């Protein structure tokens, strides 16, 4: 199926909502979505940063709010 969105006519908020809807759909069948090998490296590096205190995890709802607020 070929889907075309009018990206040049969409607001940032609309684009983020479209991304969110696609991500939610992919998440429902996450076992079918292959992860690239480099994801494990990234996850290990992030885990190390949280362990040494140079980074912290943020609740997804809070992260989305921060992103939305930063693009207004």
PDB file of N, CA and C in Angstrom:
ATOM      1  N   UNK A   1       0.843  -1.174   0.000  1.00  0.00           N
ATOM      2  CA  UNK A   1       0.000   0.000   0.000  1.00  0.00           C
ATOM      3  C   UNK A   1       0.892   1.242   0.000  1.00  0.00           C
ATOM      4  N   UNK A   2       0.584   2.174  -0.851  1.00  0.00           N
ATOM      5  CA  UNK A   2       1.334   3.421  -0.950  1.00  0.00           C
ATOM      6  C   UNK A   2       0.543   4.522  -0.246  1.00  0.00           C
ATOM      7  N   UNK A   3       1.135   5.101   0.802  1.00  0.00           N
ATOM      8  CA  UNK A   3       0.484   6.165   1.558  1.00  0.00           C
ATOM      9  C   UNK A   3       1.353   7.408   1.460  1.00  0.00           C
ATOM     10  N   UNK A   4       0.741   8.510   1.081  1.00  0.00           N
ATOM     11  CA  UNK A   4       1.460   9.771   0.986  1.00  0.00           C
ATOM     12  C   UNK A   4       0.799  10.777   1.917  1.00  0.00           C
ATOM     13  N   UNK A   5       1.596  11.377   2.770  1.00  0.00           N
ATOM     14  CA  UNK A   5       1.097  12.405   3.669  1.00  0.00           C
ATOM     15  C   UNK A   5       1.536  13.771   3.149  1.00  0.00           C
ATOM     16  N   UNK A   6       0.690  14.775   3.301  1.00  0.00           N
ATOM     17  CA  UNK A   6       1.063  16.124   2.857  1.00  0.00           C
ATOM     18  C   UNK A   6       1.992  16.783   3.882  1.00  0.00           C
ATOM     19  N   UNK A   7       3.203  16.262   4.001  1.00  0.00           N
ATOM     20  CA  UNK A   7       4.120  16.708   5.048  1.00  0.00           C
ATOM     21  C   UNK A   7       4.381  18.205   5.012  1.00  0.00           C
ATOM     22  N   UNK A   8       4.455  18.766   3.828  1.00  0.00           N
ATOM     23  CA  UNK A   8       4.720  20.205   3.714  1.00  0.00           C
ATOM     24  C   UNK A   8       3.544  21.050   4.187  1.00  0.00           C
ATOM     25  N   UNK A   9       2.384  20.435   4.355  1.00  0.00           N
ATOM     26  CA  UNK A   9       1.193  21.158   4.805  1.00  0.00           C
ATOM     27  C   UNK A   9       0.845  20.843   6.261  1.00  0.00           C
ATOM     28  N   UNK A  10       1.540  19.880   6.855  1.00  0.00           N
ATOM     29  CA  UNK A  10       1.232  19.460   8.220  1.00  0.00           C
ATOM     30  C   UNK A  10       2.014  20.292   9.229  1.00  0.00           C
ATOM     31  N   UNK A  11       1.369  20.556  10.362  1.00  0.00           N
ATOM     32  CA  UNK A  11       2.067  21.232  11.456  1.00  0.00           C
ATOM     33  C   UNK A  11       2.987  20.222  12.144  1.00  0.00           C
ATOM     34  N   UNK A  12       3.889  20.730  12.930  1.00  0.00           N
ATOM     35  CA  UNK A  12       4.777  19.840  13.676  1.00  0.00           C
ATOM     36  C   UNK A  12       3.959  18.943  14.592  1.00  0.00           C
ATOM     37  N   UNK A  13       2.949  19.505  15.212  1.00  0.00           N
ATOM     38  CA  UNK A  13       2.090  18.716  16.090  1.00  0.00           C
ATOM     39  C   UNK A  13       1.419  17.572  15.327  1.00  0.00           C
ATOM     40  N   UNK A  14       0.939  17.845  14.132  1.00  0.00           N
ATOM     41  CA  UNK A  14       0.308  16.804  13.308  1.00  0.00           C
ATOM     42  C   UNK A  14       1.317  15.737  12.897  1.00  0.00           C
ATOM     43  N   UNK A  15       2.524  16.166  12.566  1.00  0.00           N
ATOM     44  CA  UNK A  15       3.567  15.204  12.192  1.00  0.00           C
ATOM     45  C   UNK A  15       3.925  14.304  13.368  1.00  0.00           C
ATOM     46  N   UNK A  16       4.067  14.902  14.549  1.00  0.00           N
ATOM     47  CA  UNK A  16       4.379  14.106  15.732  1.00  0.00           C
ATOM     48  C   UNK A  16       3.257  13.124  16.042  1.00  0.00           C
ATOM     49  N   UNK A  17       2.027  13.549  15.862  1.00  0.00           N
ATOM     50  CA  UNK A  17       0.886  12.652  16.105  1.00  0.00           C
ATOM     51  C   UNK A  17       0.906  11.498  15.110  1.00  0.00           C
ATOM     52  N   UNK A  18       1.234  11.758  13.862  1.00  0.00           N
ATOM     53  CA  UNK A  18       1.322  10.692  12.856  1.00  0.00           C
ATOM     54  C   UNK A  18       2.416   9.696  13.237  1.00  0.00           C
ATOM     55  N   UNK A  19       3.557  10.210  13.667  1.00  0.00           N
ATOM     56  CA  UNK A  19       4.650   9.338  14.102  1.00  0.00           C
ATOM     57  C   UNK A  19       4.199   8.493  15.289  1.00  0.00           C
ATOM     58  N   UNK A  20       3.510   9.130  16.224  1.00  0.00           N
ATOM     59  CA  UNK A  20       3.038   8.429  17.414  1.00  0.00           C
ATOM     60  C   UNK A  20       2.066   7.305  17.047  1.00  0.00           C
ATOM     61  N   UNK A  21       1.155   7.573  16.128  1.00  0.00           N
ATOM     62  CA  UNK A  21       0.196   6.546  15.707  1.00  0.00           C
ATOM     63  C   UNK A  21       0.900   5.378  15.024  1.00  0.00           C
ATOM     64  N   UNK A  22       1.874   5.673  14.183  1.00  0.00           N
ATOM     65  CA  UNK A  22       2.630   4.604  13.514  1.00  0.00           C
ATOM     66  C   UNK A  22       3.388   3.790  14.558  1.00  0.00           C
ATOM     67  N   UNK A  23       4.026   4.473  15.507  1.00  0.00           N
ATOM     68  CA  UNK A  23       4.793   3.773  16.533  1.00  0.00           C
ATOM     69  C   UNK A  23       3.879   2.882  17.382  1.00  0.00           C
ATOM     70  N   UNK A  24       2.699   3.398  17.753  1.00  0.00           N
ATOM     71  CA  UNK A  24       1.759   2.598  18.540  1.00  0.00           C
ATOM     72  C   UNK A  24       1.342   1.352  17.771  1.00  0.00           C
ATOM     73  N   UNK A  25       1.118   1.488  16.475  1.00  0.00           N
ATOM     74  CA  UNK A  25       0.743   0.343  15.656  1.00  0.00           C
ATOM     75  C   UNK A  25       1.883  -0.673  15.585  1.00  0.00           C
ATOM     76  N   UNK A  26       3.095  -0.200  15.360  1.00  0.00           N
ATOM     77  CA  UNK A  26       4.249  -1.104  15.320  1.00  0.00           C
ATOM     78  C   UNK A  26       4.451  -1.802  16.665  1.00  0.00           C
ATOM     79  N   UNK A  27       4.195  -1.091  17.743  1.00  0.00           N
ATOM     80  CA  UNK A  27       4.390  -1.656  19.079  1.00  0.00           C
ATOM     81  C   UNK A  27       3.437  -2.806  19.370  1.00  0.00           C
ATOM     82  N   UNK A  28       2.277  -2.791  18.756  1.00  0.00           N
ATOM     83  CA  UNK A  28       1.311  -3.878  18.968  1.00  0.00           C
ATOM     84  C   UNK A  28       1.820  -5.198  18.414  1.00  0.00           C
ATOM     85  N   UNK A  29       2.696  -5.141  17.435  1.00  0.00           N
ATOM     86  CA  UNK A  29       3.265  -6.369  16.870  1.00  0.00           C
ATOM     87  C   UNK A  29       4.791  -6.298  16.922  1.00  0.00           C
ATOM     88  N   UNK A  30       5.302  -5.873  18.076  1.00  0.00           N
ATOM     89  CA  UNK A  30       6.740  -5.613  18.201  1.00  0.00           C
ATOM     90  C   UNK A  30       7.601  -6.847  17.988  1.00  0.00           C
ATOM     91  N   UNK A  31       7.071  -8.023  18.235  1.00  0.00           N
ATOM     92  CA  UNK A  31       7.867  -9.234  18.003  1.00  0.00           C
ATOM     93  C   UNK A  31       8.155  -9.452  16.522  1.00  0.00           C
ATOM     94  N   UNK A  32       7.338  -8.861  15.661  1.00  0.00           N
ATOM     95  CA  UNK A  32       7.527  -9.002  14.219  1.00  0.00           C
ATOM     96  C   UNK A  32       8.479  -7.961  13.638  1.00  0.00           C
ATOM     97  N   UNK A  33       8.857  -6.962  14.447  1.00  0.00           N
ATOM     98  CA  UNK A  33       9.726  -5.886  13.974  1.00  0.00           C
ATOM     99  C   UNK A  33      11.167  -6.228  14.351  1.00  0.00           C
ATOM    100  N   UNK A  34      12.015  -6.479  13.359  1.00  0.00           N
ATOM    101  CA  UNK A  34      13.399  -6.850  13.674  1.00  0.00           C
ATOM    102  C   UNK A  34      14.198  -5.643  14.179  1.00  0.00           C
ATOM    103  N   UNK A  35      15.073  -5.897  15.137  1.00  0.00           N
ATOM    104  CA  UNK A  35      15.973  -4.855  15.634  1.00  0.00           C
ATOM    105  C   UNK A  35      17.329  -5.014  14.965  1.00  0.00           C
ATOM    106  N   UNK A  36      17.893  -3.911  14.496  1.00  0.00           N
ATOM    107  CA  UNK A  36      19.238  -3.992  13.923  1.00  0.00           C
ATOM    108  C   UNK A  36      20.249  -4.374  15.009  1.00  0.00           C
ATOM    109  N   UNK A  37      21.333  -4.979  14.614  1.00  0.00           N
ATOM    110  CA  UNK A  37      22.349  -5.437  15.564  1.00  0.00           C
ATOM    111  C   UNK A  37      22.912  -4.288  16.403  1.00  0.00           C
ATOM    112  N   UNK A  38      23.022  -3.091  15.823  1.00  0.00           N
ATOM    113  CA  UNK A  38      23.613  -1.974  16.556  1.00  0.00           C
ATOM    114  C   UNK A  38      22.751  -1.518  17.728  1.00  0.00           C
ATOM    115  N   UNK A  39      21.473  -1.903  17.766  1.00  0.00           N
ATOM    116  CA  UNK A  39      20.620  -1.519  18.895  1.00  0.00           C
ATOM    117  C   UNK A  39      21.185  -2.034  20.218  1.00  0.00           C
ATOM    118  N   UNK A  40      21.712  -3.268  20.217  1.00  0.00           N
ATOM    119  CA  UNK A  40      22.276  -3.829  21.448  1.00  0.00           C
ATOM    120  C   UNK A  40      23.442  -2.982  21.945  1.00  0.00           C
ATOM    121  N   UNK A  41      24.272  -2.495  21.037  1.00  0.00           N
ATOM    122  CA  UNK A  41      25.400  -1.635  21.423  1.00  0.00           C
ATOM    123  C   UNK A  41      24.911  -0.335  22.046  1.00  0.00           C
ATOM    124  N   UNK A  42      23.898   0.255  21.442  1.00  0.00           N
ATOM    125  CA  UNK A  42      23.344   1.511  21.955  1.00  0.00           C
ATOM    126  C   UNK A  42      22.736   1.290  23.339  1.00  0.00           C
ATOM    127  N   UNK A  43      21.996   0.203  23.505  1.00  0.00           N
ATOM    128  CA  UNK A  43      21.381  -0.080  24.803  1.00  0.00           C
ATOM    129  C   UNK A  43      22.428  -0.307  25.888  1.00  0.00           C
ATOM    130  N   UNK A  44      23.495  -1.012  25.553  1.00  0.00           N
ATOM    131  CA  UNK A  44      24.572  -1.232  26.525  1.00  0.00           C
ATOM    132  C   UNK A  44      25.223   0.095  26.927  1.00  0.00           C
ATOM    133  N   UNK A  45      25.464   0.963  25.952  1.00  0.00           N
ATOM    134  CA  UNK A  45      26.076   2.265  26.247  1.00  0.00           C
ATOM    135  C   UNK A  45      25.154   3.114  27.119  1.00  0.00           C
ATOM    136  N   UNK A  46      23.862   3.092  26.830  1.00  0.00           N
ATOM    137  CA  UNK A  46      22.911   3.860  27.641  1.00  0.00           C
ATOM    138  C   UNK A  46      22.831   3.306  29.056  1.00  0.00           C
ATOM    139  N   UNK A  47      22.845   1.987  29.172  1.00  0.00           N
ATOM    140  CA  UNK A  47      22.813   1.362  30.488  1.00  0.00           C
ATOM    141  C   UNK A  47      24.035   1.774  31.300  1.00  0.00           C
ATOM    142  N   UNK A  48      25.184   1.806  30.659  1.00  0.00           N
ATOM    143  CA  UNK A  48      26.417   2.206  31.346  1.00  0.00           C
ATOM    144  C   UNK A  48      26.326   3.656  31.823  1.00  0.00           C
ATOM    145  N   UNK A  49      25.777   4.540  30.992  1.00  0.00           N
ATOM    146  CA  UNK A  49      25.648   5.948  31.386  1.00  0.00           C
ATOM    147  C   UNK A  49      24.699   6.108  32.570  1.00  0.00           C
ATOM    148  N   UNK A  50      23.620   5.315  32.625  1.00  0.00           N
ATOM    149  CA  UNK A  50      22.719   5.421  33.778  1.00  0.00           C
ATOM    150  C   UNK A  50      23.386   4.877  35.033  1.00  0.00           C
ATOM    151  N   UNK A  51      24.190   3.841  34.872  1.00  0.00           N
ATOM    152  CA  UNK A  51      24.879   3.269  36.036  1.00  0.00           C
ATOM    153  C   UNK A  51      25.926   4.221  36.602  1.00  0.00           C
ATOM    154  N   UNK A  52      26.610   4.971  35.732  1.00  0.00           N
ATOM    155  CA  UNK A  52      27.643   5.882  36.244  1.00  0.00           C
ATOM    156  C   UNK A  52      27.090   7.276  36.557  1.00  0.00           C
ATOM    157  N   UNK A  53      25.784   7.461  36.367  1.00  0.00           N
ATOM    158  CA  UNK A  53      25.131   8.706  36.761  1.00  0.00           C
ATOM    159  C   UNK A  53      25.199   9.831  35.749  1.00  0.00           C
ATOM    160  N   UNK A  54      25.738   9.580  34.564  1.00  0.00           N
ATOM    161  CA  UNK A  54      25.830  10.653  33.569  1.00  0.00           C
ATOM    162  C   UNK A  54      24.558  10.785  32.734  1.00  0.00           C
ATOM    163  N   UNK A  55      23.598   9.883  32.953  1.00  0.00           N
ATOM    164  CA  UNK A  55      22.313   9.955  32.246  1.00  0.00           C
ATOM    165  C   UNK A  55      21.243   9.341  33.131  1.00  0.00           C
ATOM    166  N   UNK A  56      19.994   9.653  32.819  1.00  0.00           N
ATOM    167  CA  UNK A  56      18.887   9.055  33.558  1.00  0.00           C
ATOM    168  C   UNK A  56      17.747   8.766  32.590  1.00  0.00           C
ATOM    169  N   UNK A  57      16.922   7.823  32.967  1.00  0.00           N
ATOM    170  CA  UNK A  57      15.750   7.505  32.168  1.00  0.00           C
ATOM    171  C   UNK A  57      14.642   8.481  32.515  1.00  0.00           C
ATOM    172  N   UNK A  58      13.839   8.836  31.515  1.00  0.00           N
ATOM    173  CA  UNK A  58      12.719   9.741  31.699  1.00  0.00           C
ATOM    174  C   UNK A  58      11.462   9.009  31.254  1.00  0.00           C
ATOM    175  N   UNK A  59      10.390   9.189  32.003  1.00  0.00           N
ATOM    176  CA  UNK A  59       9.110   8.605  31.641  1.00  0.00           C
ATOM    177  C   UNK A  59       8.735   9.032  30.222  1.00  0.00           C
ATOM    178  N   UNK A  60       8.215   8.093  29.416  1.00  0.00           N
ATOM    179  CA  UNK A  60       7.902   8.367  28.015  1.00  0.00           C
ATOM    180  C   UNK A  60       6.920   9.518  27.870  1.00  0.00           C
ATOM    181  N   UNK A  61       5.906   9.590  28.725  1.00  0.00           N
ATOM    182  CA  UNK A  61       4.940  10.689  28.640  1.00  0.00           C
ATOM    183  C   UNK A  61       5.643  12.029  28.878  1.00  0.00           C
ATOM    184  N   UNK A  62       6.560  12.059  29.837  1.00  0.00           N
ATOM    185  CA  UNK A  62       7.319  13.279  30.113  1.00  0.00           C
ATOM    186  C   UNK A  62       8.229  13.634  28.938  1.00  0.00           C
ATOM    187  N   UNK A  63       8.865  12.638  28.351  1.00  0.00           N
ATOM    188  CA  UNK A  63       9.744  12.878  27.201  1.00  0.00           C
ATOM    189  C   UNK A  63       8.957  13.454  26.030  1.00  0.00           C
ATOM    190  N   UNK A  64       7.775  12.889  25.751  1.00  0.00           N
ATOM    191  CA  UNK A  64       6.951  13.408  24.651  1.00  0.00           C
ATOM    192  C   UNK A  64       6.532  14.847  24.927  1.00  0.00           C
ATOM    193  N   UNK A  65       6.176  15.139  26.176  1.00  0.00           N
ATOM    194  CA  UNK A  65       5.793  16.510  26.531  1.00  0.00           C
ATOM    195  C   UNK A  65       6.967  17.456  26.309  1.00  0.00           C
ATOM    196  N   UNK A  66       8.161  17.045  26.743  1.00  0.00           N
ATOM    197  CA  UNK A  66       9.353  17.881  26.546  1.00  0.00           C
ATOM    198  C   UNK A  66       9.606  18.145  25.063  1.00  0.00           C
ATOM    199  N   UNK A  67       9.435  17.117  24.240  1.00  0.00           N
ATOM    200  CA  UNK A  67       9.632  17.275  22.792  1.00  0.00           C
ATOM    201  C   UNK A  67       8.602  18.240  22.228  1.00  0.00           C
ATOM    202  N   UNK A  68       7.348  18.027  22.590  1.00  0.00           N
ATOM    203  CA  UNK A  68       6.287  18.914  22.086  1.00  0.00           C
ATOM    204  C   UNK A  68       6.527  20.355  22.519  1.00  0.00           C
ATOM    205  N   UNK A  69       6.903  20.545  23.777  1.00  0.00           N
ATOM    206  CA  UNK A  69       7.154  21.898  24.281  1.00  0.00           C
ATOM    207  C   UNK A  69       8.332  22.558  23.564  1.00  0.00           C
ATOM    208  N   UNK A  70       9.317  21.768  23.180  1.00  0.00           N
ATOM    209  CA  UNK A  70      10.508  22.343  22.548  1.00  0.00           C
ATOM    210  C   UNK A  70      10.278  22.749  21.097  1.00  0.00           C
ATOM    211  N   UNK A  71       9.217  22.247  20.473  1.00  0.00           N
ATOM    212  CA  UNK A  71       8.969  22.582  19.069  1.00  0.00           C
ATOM    213  C   UNK A  71       7.836  23.587  18.895  1.00  0.00           C
ATOM    214  N   UNK A  72       7.326  24.110  19.972  1.00  0.00           N
ATOM    215  CA  UNK A  72       6.246  25.105  19.871  1.00  0.00           C
ATOM    216  C   UNK A  72       6.801  26.455  19.516  1.00  0.00           C
TER     217      UNK A  72
END
